[in-house]
Protein backbone atom coordinates (compact mmCIF):
# COMPACT_ATOMS: atom_id res chain seq x y z
CA MET A 1 40.65 -49.55 26.87
CA ALA A 2 40.68 -51.82 23.86
CA SER A 3 42.66 -50.76 20.84
CA SER A 4 39.63 -50.52 18.55
CA ASN A 5 38.36 -47.07 17.63
CA HIS A 6 34.81 -48.31 18.18
CA GLY A 7 33.43 -47.18 14.86
CA ILE A 8 35.56 -44.07 14.36
CA ASP A 9 37.22 -44.14 10.96
CA GLU A 10 40.97 -44.67 11.38
CA GLY A 11 41.52 -42.86 8.09
CA THR A 12 40.33 -39.56 9.50
CA ALA A 13 40.58 -39.92 13.26
CA THR A 14 43.84 -40.94 14.88
CA ARG A 15 43.57 -41.82 18.55
CA PRO A 16 45.70 -39.35 20.52
CA ALA A 17 48.96 -40.82 21.73
CA ASP A 18 48.79 -42.15 25.28
CA LEU A 19 45.06 -41.47 25.54
CA GLU A 20 44.74 -43.55 28.69
CA ALA A 21 47.70 -41.78 30.25
CA TRP A 22 46.11 -38.40 29.52
CA ARG A 23 42.82 -39.63 30.96
CA ARG A 24 44.53 -40.63 34.20
CA ARG A 25 45.65 -37.01 34.56
CA ILE A 26 42.03 -35.75 34.59
CA PRO A 27 40.62 -36.70 38.01
CA ILE A 28 36.97 -35.98 37.20
CA LEU A 29 36.94 -38.83 34.67
CA ARG A 30 36.87 -41.27 37.58
CA SER A 31 33.31 -40.24 38.42
CA LEU A 32 31.84 -38.13 35.60
CA ILE A 33 31.80 -37.85 31.81
CA PRO A 34 32.63 -34.23 30.94
CA LEU A 35 31.07 -33.32 27.60
CA ASN A 36 30.69 -29.64 28.50
CA ASN A 37 33.97 -28.41 27.03
CA CYS A 38 32.14 -25.63 25.17
CA SER A 39 31.46 -24.14 28.63
CA GLN A 40 34.15 -25.35 31.02
CA ALA A 41 37.27 -27.46 30.80
CA PRO A 42 37.92 -30.09 33.45
CA GLN A 43 40.79 -29.69 35.86
CA THR A 44 43.88 -31.73 35.08
CA GLN A 45 46.74 -32.70 37.33
CA ARG A 46 48.85 -30.29 35.29
CA THR A 47 46.58 -27.28 35.76
CA ARG A 48 46.16 -28.08 39.46
CA ALA A 49 49.93 -28.25 39.86
CA ALA A 50 50.27 -24.89 38.10
CA ALA A 51 47.78 -23.24 40.45
CA ASP A 52 49.51 -24.83 43.43
CA ALA A 53 52.88 -23.56 42.21
CA TYR A 54 51.64 -19.98 42.31
CA LEU A 55 49.94 -20.43 45.69
CA GLU A 56 53.10 -21.96 47.15
CA SER A 57 55.22 -19.11 45.77
CA TRP A 58 52.83 -16.58 47.31
CA ARG A 59 52.83 -18.45 50.63
CA ARG A 60 56.58 -18.97 50.75
CA ASP A 61 57.90 -15.73 49.28
CA GLY A 62 55.10 -13.29 49.95
CA MET A 63 55.91 -11.48 46.74
CA ASP A 64 57.92 -12.53 43.70
CA TRP A 65 56.77 -10.32 40.85
CA GLU A 66 59.78 -11.12 38.69
CA ARG A 67 58.86 -14.82 38.70
CA TRP A 68 55.16 -14.12 38.35
CA MET A 69 55.60 -11.78 35.39
CA ALA A 70 57.85 -14.35 33.74
CA GLU A 71 54.96 -16.82 34.00
CA VAL A 72 52.60 -14.33 32.34
CA GLU A 73 55.09 -14.04 29.50
CA ARG A 74 55.26 -17.82 29.18
CA ALA A 75 51.48 -17.93 28.87
CA ARG A 76 51.62 -15.21 26.21
CA ALA A 77 54.26 -17.15 24.30
CA ALA A 78 52.32 -20.43 24.54
CA PHE A 79 49.20 -18.80 23.10
CA ALA A 80 51.24 -17.20 20.31
CA ARG A 81 52.73 -20.57 19.44
CA LEU A 82 49.29 -22.15 19.33
CA ILE A 83 47.95 -19.66 16.77
CA HIS A 84 51.26 -19.32 14.85
CA ALA A 85 51.82 -15.71 15.83
CA ASP A 86 54.70 -13.88 17.48
CA PRO A 87 54.48 -13.20 21.23
CA ASP A 88 54.80 -9.48 20.52
CA GLU A 89 51.49 -9.70 18.62
CA VAL A 90 49.61 -11.03 21.66
CA ALA A 91 48.12 -9.10 24.56
CA VAL A 92 47.13 -10.64 27.87
CA THR A 93 43.74 -9.58 29.14
CA THR A 94 41.05 -10.89 31.46
CA SER A 95 38.23 -11.97 29.14
CA VAL A 96 37.02 -11.84 25.55
CA SER A 97 34.69 -9.05 26.71
CA ALA A 98 37.70 -7.01 27.81
CA ALA A 99 39.69 -7.89 24.69
CA THR A 100 36.84 -6.83 22.40
CA ALA A 101 36.27 -3.62 24.33
CA SER A 102 39.95 -2.76 24.17
CA LEU A 103 40.11 -3.36 20.43
CA ALA A 104 36.91 -1.37 19.85
CA SER A 105 38.27 1.53 21.88
CA ALA A 106 41.26 1.73 19.54
CA LEU A 107 39.13 2.22 16.41
CA ASP A 108 38.08 5.56 14.94
CA PHE A 109 34.34 5.78 14.28
CA THR A 110 34.36 9.43 13.18
CA GLY A 111 35.46 8.92 9.58
CA ALA A 112 33.74 7.61 6.49
CA ARG A 113 34.42 4.03 7.62
CA ARG A 114 32.37 3.52 10.74
CA LYS A 115 30.31 0.40 10.04
CA VAL A 116 30.91 -2.75 12.07
CA VAL A 117 29.37 -5.90 10.61
CA VAL A 118 28.53 -8.38 13.37
CA THR A 119 27.01 -11.84 13.02
CA GLU A 120 23.93 -12.85 14.96
CA ALA A 121 25.94 -15.95 15.96
CA GLU A 122 28.24 -13.91 18.22
CA PHE A 123 28.23 -14.65 21.91
CA PRO A 124 26.19 -11.75 23.36
CA THR A 125 29.16 -10.06 25.04
CA VAL A 126 30.77 -9.32 21.65
CA GLY A 127 27.62 -7.81 20.19
CA HIS A 128 27.11 -5.76 23.33
CA VAL A 129 30.55 -4.17 23.00
CA TRP A 130 29.93 -3.07 19.42
CA LEU A 131 26.46 -1.76 20.29
CA ALA A 132 27.94 0.23 23.17
CA HIS A 133 30.26 1.99 20.71
CA ARG A 134 27.37 3.44 18.75
CA LYS A 135 27.59 6.47 21.04
CA TYR A 136 31.06 7.07 19.56
CA GLY A 137 29.75 6.89 16.00
CA ALA A 138 29.84 3.16 15.26
CA GLU A 139 27.14 1.83 12.95
CA VAL A 140 26.32 -1.81 13.62
CA ALA A 141 24.93 -4.08 10.90
CA TRP A 142 23.94 -7.70 11.45
CA THR A 143 24.73 -10.77 9.39
CA PRO A 144 21.82 -13.15 10.03
CA VAL A 145 21.78 -16.69 11.35
CA ARG A 146 19.63 -18.82 9.06
CA GLU A 147 18.82 -22.43 9.92
CA GLY A 148 21.59 -22.42 12.51
CA LEU A 149 24.24 -21.20 10.02
CA VAL A 150 25.93 -17.99 8.93
CA ARG A 151 26.18 -18.05 5.16
CA LEU A 152 29.14 -16.41 3.48
CA GLU A 153 26.95 -14.76 0.86
CA ASP A 154 24.91 -13.01 3.56
CA TYR A 155 27.87 -10.72 4.22
CA ASP A 156 27.72 -9.32 0.68
CA PRO A 157 24.86 -6.82 1.12
CA LEU A 158 26.54 -5.42 4.23
CA LEU A 159 30.10 -4.98 3.01
CA ASP A 160 30.91 -1.68 1.32
CA ASP A 161 33.37 1.20 1.45
CA ARG A 162 31.94 2.30 4.81
CA THR A 163 32.80 -0.99 6.51
CA LEU A 164 35.53 -0.62 9.09
CA LEU A 165 35.52 -4.07 10.65
CA VAL A 166 33.76 -7.43 10.53
CA SER A 167 33.37 -9.18 13.89
CA ALA A 168 32.86 -12.88 13.29
CA THR A 169 32.88 -15.82 15.65
CA HIS A 170 34.84 -18.76 14.30
CA ALA A 171 32.31 -21.20 15.75
CA TYR A 172 28.72 -20.53 16.78
CA TYR A 173 28.42 -21.07 20.52
CA GLN A 174 24.95 -22.58 20.24
CA ASN A 175 25.64 -25.45 17.84
CA GLY A 176 29.32 -25.51 16.82
CA PHE A 177 28.82 -24.26 13.23
CA LYS A 178 32.21 -23.17 11.95
CA GLN A 179 32.81 -20.30 9.54
CA ASP A 180 35.38 -20.46 6.73
CA LEU A 181 37.75 -17.82 8.04
CA ALA A 182 40.06 -17.79 5.02
CA ALA A 183 37.17 -17.18 2.61
CA LEU A 184 35.68 -14.59 4.92
CA ALA A 185 39.01 -12.77 5.32
CA GLU A 186 39.39 -12.56 1.55
CA LYS A 187 35.89 -11.12 1.21
CA VAL A 188 36.39 -8.62 4.04
CA HIS A 189 39.79 -7.45 2.82
CA ALA A 190 38.45 -6.94 -0.70
CA HIS A 191 36.38 -4.12 0.80
CA GLY A 192 39.33 -2.67 2.72
CA ALA A 193 37.93 -3.74 6.09
CA LEU A 194 39.42 -5.63 9.03
CA LEU A 195 38.47 -9.08 10.33
CA TYR A 196 38.19 -9.68 14.07
CA VAL A 197 37.56 -13.26 15.22
CA ASP A 198 36.27 -14.69 18.49
CA ALA A 199 37.84 -18.16 18.66
CA TYR A 200 36.57 -19.12 22.11
CA GLN A 201 34.42 -21.99 20.78
CA SER A 202 37.02 -23.47 18.44
CA LEU A 203 40.63 -22.93 19.48
CA GLY A 204 41.89 -26.09 21.14
CA VAL A 205 39.95 -28.47 18.90
CA CYS A 206 40.48 -26.60 15.62
CA PRO A 207 44.03 -25.67 14.58
CA ILE A 208 44.28 -21.95 13.76
CA ASP A 209 47.08 -20.22 11.88
CA VAL A 210 46.26 -16.53 11.97
CA LYS A 211 48.86 -15.69 9.31
CA ALA A 212 47.68 -18.29 6.83
CA LEU A 213 44.03 -17.36 7.40
CA GLY A 214 44.57 -13.63 7.03
CA VAL A 215 42.94 -12.75 10.37
CA ASP A 216 43.64 -9.20 11.56
CA ALA A 217 42.74 -9.69 15.21
CA LEU A 218 41.62 -12.67 17.28
CA ALA A 219 40.59 -13.19 20.88
CA CYS A 220 40.19 -16.32 22.96
CA GLY A 221 39.90 -17.17 26.61
CA ALA A 222 41.39 -20.21 28.34
CA LEU A 223 38.26 -21.53 30.02
CA LYS A 224 36.92 -23.94 27.40
CA PHE A 225 38.81 -26.07 24.87
CA LEU A 226 42.16 -24.61 25.99
CA MET A 227 41.87 -26.61 29.22
CA GLY A 228 42.38 -23.60 31.48
CA THR A 229 40.31 -21.38 33.72
CA ALA A 230 38.31 -18.16 33.71
CA GLY A 231 39.82 -14.74 34.32
CA ILE A 232 42.35 -14.69 31.49
CA ALA A 233 42.15 -14.24 27.74
CA PHE A 234 44.48 -13.34 24.90
CA LEU A 235 44.17 -10.83 22.08
CA TYR A 236 46.17 -11.25 18.87
CA VAL A 237 46.60 -8.14 16.72
CA ARG A 238 48.43 -8.34 13.41
CA ARG A 239 51.75 -6.53 13.62
CA GLY A 240 51.02 -4.24 10.67
CA LEU A 241 47.98 -2.80 12.48
CA LEU A 242 49.57 -2.04 15.82
CA GLU A 243 51.08 1.36 15.08
CA ARG A 244 47.71 2.90 14.20
CA LEU A 245 45.79 1.49 17.17
CA GLN A 246 45.77 3.30 20.51
CA PRO A 247 43.18 1.78 22.83
CA ALA A 248 41.27 3.96 25.28
CA VAL A 249 40.69 0.86 27.42
CA THR A 250 44.20 0.80 28.84
CA GLY A 251 46.26 0.64 32.00
CA TRP A 252 49.77 0.85 33.33
CA PHE A 253 50.86 -2.45 31.80
CA GLY A 254 49.93 -1.02 28.40
CA ARG A 255 52.81 1.43 28.57
CA ALA A 256 56.22 1.19 26.91
CA ASP A 257 57.79 1.11 30.38
CA PRO A 258 55.18 0.35 33.05
CA PHE A 259 57.72 0.64 35.85
CA ALA A 260 58.64 4.20 34.95
CA PHE A 261 55.41 5.14 36.78
CA ARG A 262 54.79 8.25 34.65
CA VAL A 263 51.22 9.20 35.54
CA ASN A 264 51.13 12.06 33.02
CA ALA A 265 52.48 10.23 29.96
CA LEU A 266 50.65 7.85 27.64
CA ASP A 267 53.49 6.15 25.79
CA TRP A 268 52.75 3.07 23.69
CA PRO A 269 54.93 0.00 23.17
CA ASP A 270 55.36 -0.99 19.54
CA THR A 271 53.91 -4.43 20.32
CA ALA A 272 50.47 -5.83 21.18
CA ARG A 273 51.34 -5.19 24.82
CA ARG A 274 49.70 -1.80 24.20
CA PHE A 275 46.46 -3.79 24.68
CA ASP A 276 47.54 -5.04 28.11
CA THR A 277 45.75 -3.10 30.83
CA GLY A 278 46.24 -3.41 34.58
CA THR A 279 48.15 -5.86 36.73
CA PRO A 280 47.87 -9.17 34.88
CA PRO A 281 45.93 -12.17 36.25
CA VAL A 282 48.91 -14.10 37.58
CA ILE A 283 47.41 -17.33 38.92
CA ASN A 284 45.21 -17.52 35.83
CA ALA A 285 48.32 -17.23 33.65
CA TYR A 286 49.92 -20.17 35.46
CA ILE A 287 46.82 -22.28 34.77
CA ALA A 288 46.34 -21.04 31.21
CA ARG A 289 49.91 -21.91 30.24
CA ALA A 290 49.48 -25.42 31.64
CA GLY A 291 46.27 -25.88 29.65
CA ILE A 292 47.64 -24.52 26.38
CA GLU A 293 50.78 -26.60 26.67
CA THR A 294 48.61 -29.68 27.12
CA ILE A 295 46.94 -28.89 23.78
CA LEU A 296 50.34 -28.35 22.17
CA ASP A 297 51.70 -31.59 23.62
CA VAL A 298 48.77 -33.71 22.44
CA GLY A 299 48.87 -31.93 19.07
CA PRO A 300 46.18 -29.62 17.62
CA GLU A 301 45.92 -31.61 14.38
CA ARG A 302 45.53 -34.92 16.20
CA ILE A 303 42.96 -33.37 18.51
CA GLU A 304 40.98 -32.07 15.55
CA ALA A 305 41.00 -35.46 13.83
CA TRP A 306 39.96 -37.37 16.96
CA THR A 307 37.25 -34.94 18.07
CA ARG A 308 35.89 -34.68 14.54
CA GLY A 309 35.34 -38.42 14.70
CA LEU A 310 33.62 -38.05 18.06
CA GLY A 311 31.49 -35.29 16.60
CA ARG A 312 30.46 -37.55 13.73
CA ARG A 313 29.52 -40.20 16.26
CA LEU A 314 27.33 -37.68 18.07
CA VAL A 315 25.56 -36.74 14.83
CA ASP A 316 25.13 -40.28 13.53
CA GLY A 317 24.21 -41.68 16.93
CA GLY A 318 21.79 -38.86 17.62
CA ARG A 319 20.06 -39.40 14.30
CA ALA A 320 19.86 -43.14 14.93
CA ARG A 321 18.19 -42.48 18.28
CA GLY A 322 15.63 -40.10 16.78
CA LEU A 323 17.13 -36.94 18.28
CA THR A 324 16.78 -33.57 16.52
CA ILE A 325 20.09 -31.88 15.73
CA HIS A 326 20.38 -28.10 15.66
CA GLY A 327 22.73 -26.71 13.03
CA PRO A 328 25.03 -28.49 10.59
CA GLU A 329 25.59 -32.23 10.58
CA ASP A 330 28.62 -32.25 8.28
CA SER A 331 31.69 -32.58 10.54
CA ARG A 332 33.72 -30.44 8.15
CA ARG A 333 31.43 -27.48 8.85
CA LYS A 334 31.41 -27.68 12.62
CA THR A 335 33.45 -28.18 15.74
CA PRO A 336 32.84 -31.37 17.75
CA THR A 337 30.16 -29.49 19.69
CA THR A 338 26.78 -30.95 18.73
CA ALA A 339 23.47 -29.43 19.77
CA PHE A 340 20.26 -31.37 20.32
CA VAL A 341 16.90 -29.64 20.44
CA CYS A 342 15.20 -29.74 23.85
CA GLY A 343 12.86 -26.76 23.64
CA ALA A 344 12.31 -24.86 26.87
CA ALA A 345 13.53 -27.80 28.95
CA SER A 346 17.25 -27.63 28.11
CA HIS A 347 18.31 -26.76 31.67
CA THR A 348 16.17 -29.57 33.02
CA VAL A 349 17.90 -31.93 30.60
CA GLU A 350 21.30 -30.63 31.73
CA ALA A 351 20.40 -31.35 35.36
CA ARG A 352 19.07 -34.83 34.59
CA LEU A 353 22.19 -35.70 32.60
CA ARG A 354 24.35 -34.53 35.49
CA ALA A 355 22.38 -36.79 37.81
CA ARG A 356 23.47 -39.65 35.53
CA GLY A 357 27.11 -38.57 35.69
CA ILE A 358 27.21 -36.74 32.34
CA LEU A 359 28.18 -33.05 32.15
CA ALA A 360 26.50 -31.22 29.28
CA SER A 361 25.76 -27.55 28.61
CA ALA A 362 22.36 -25.99 27.94
CA ARG A 363 22.02 -22.94 25.71
CA GLY A 364 18.58 -21.64 24.82
CA PRO A 365 16.51 -24.43 23.24
CA VAL A 366 19.39 -26.91 22.94
CA ILE A 367 21.62 -29.15 25.02
CA ARG A 368 25.21 -29.18 23.82
CA LEU A 369 27.54 -32.18 23.95
CA ALA A 370 31.11 -31.04 23.36
CA PRO A 371 33.83 -33.72 23.50
CA HIS A 372 37.56 -33.11 23.70
CA PHE A 373 40.69 -35.16 23.03
CA TYR A 374 40.35 -37.27 26.19
CA ASN A 375 36.78 -38.41 25.51
CA THR A 376 36.04 -41.88 24.16
CA PRO A 377 33.41 -43.33 21.80
CA GLU A 378 31.92 -45.24 24.75
CA GLU A 379 31.32 -41.95 26.57
CA ILE A 380 29.62 -40.51 23.49
CA ASP A 381 27.30 -43.53 23.33
CA ALA A 382 26.51 -43.32 27.05
CA ALA A 383 25.56 -39.66 26.73
CA LEU A 384 23.36 -40.28 23.69
CA ASP A 385 21.62 -43.21 25.38
CA ALA A 386 20.90 -41.06 28.43
CA LEU A 387 19.64 -38.17 26.32
CA ALA A 388 17.38 -40.45 24.29
CA GLU A 389 15.89 -41.77 27.54
CA ILE A 390 15.43 -38.33 29.14
CA LEU A 391 13.84 -36.38 26.29
CA PRO A 392 10.60 -38.45 26.04
CA THR A 393 9.99 -37.89 29.76
CA LEU A 394 9.76 -34.10 29.42
CA SER A 395 6.37 -32.56 30.03
CA SER A 396 6.42 -30.88 26.63
CA PRO A 397 8.26 -32.46 23.69
CA PRO A 398 11.07 -30.43 22.08
CA ALA A 399 10.19 -28.50 18.94
CA ALA A 400 12.08 -29.39 15.79
């Protein structure tokens, strides 16, 4: 690749070090352009080697739980490092659904504070968990999505002395809109409530410091921008909250001493491990650690700068090609994920892009293009050219 940034401003987007070397470690790049990172990360040589290491251990040794549990702890520590937390503030779980359910089960909805404020931008699984807890007394109120955005002022009518928790996605899965977590945390805490964040659509391309932001709890899986796989997720819970939270969604690894095997005792560790449940997802932990360490090695700040430039190229290039963008166009208010309106034909568009060697992700009326650190400006242009050619061929034109 030439040394030029191909139109990306050097002042705000620094090409990741050894970009070509990183690209050589992602086999799918030899045949496809993966711009579906908001749905699925590509396999790397590093994540494949991690999976193979577990499979070889299982084949060779039959059982090596000491080694396998050590790998789970390494994954926990890598996630903690990424979000600037302590490992003892991180639980290992299987999905954001499970993490949210576990956190919800630890809350008391019988007192004066029983309201949970949820944004309409949440991925459905998160909203479903809070709705399911209405039978335990939870009252669910909804912050609206307007014009593809969640506005900070729209929380105001919903926050009061009955608010227990605000559940807010960092980035809207449909179009990449990004909430100002620091401002939201300040607003939420002014009412004595807690802030829980789903970072699945941002962590890996947006640096997150949970301490600096004032987040009380945060969940994220490894499947998307963390370059891992499904079947594992992490739940951060601020240390000062842990003592008062006893989740009903629990299991033997949530005990102070799991290997004491006391069936009739529910003892709690003084760490976030109280949110661990059953036997941890071992092979997933191997892969997740490899993915997270890739993000750490490339550098979260450098990734953000580079992908923000790619996101700007998507917006500017899409506009220049007459495409309709869903959600914000200002790169400071969004992740690199950029959504283009396709109407009811979004899955058809996804299939036609795949036929041209471009992986995208359909959601509702939009097709999402979501670059990561290894993508190039040329790949962005190729995807936009293909999209601009495909959309006019649809039987019904997309609605603005």
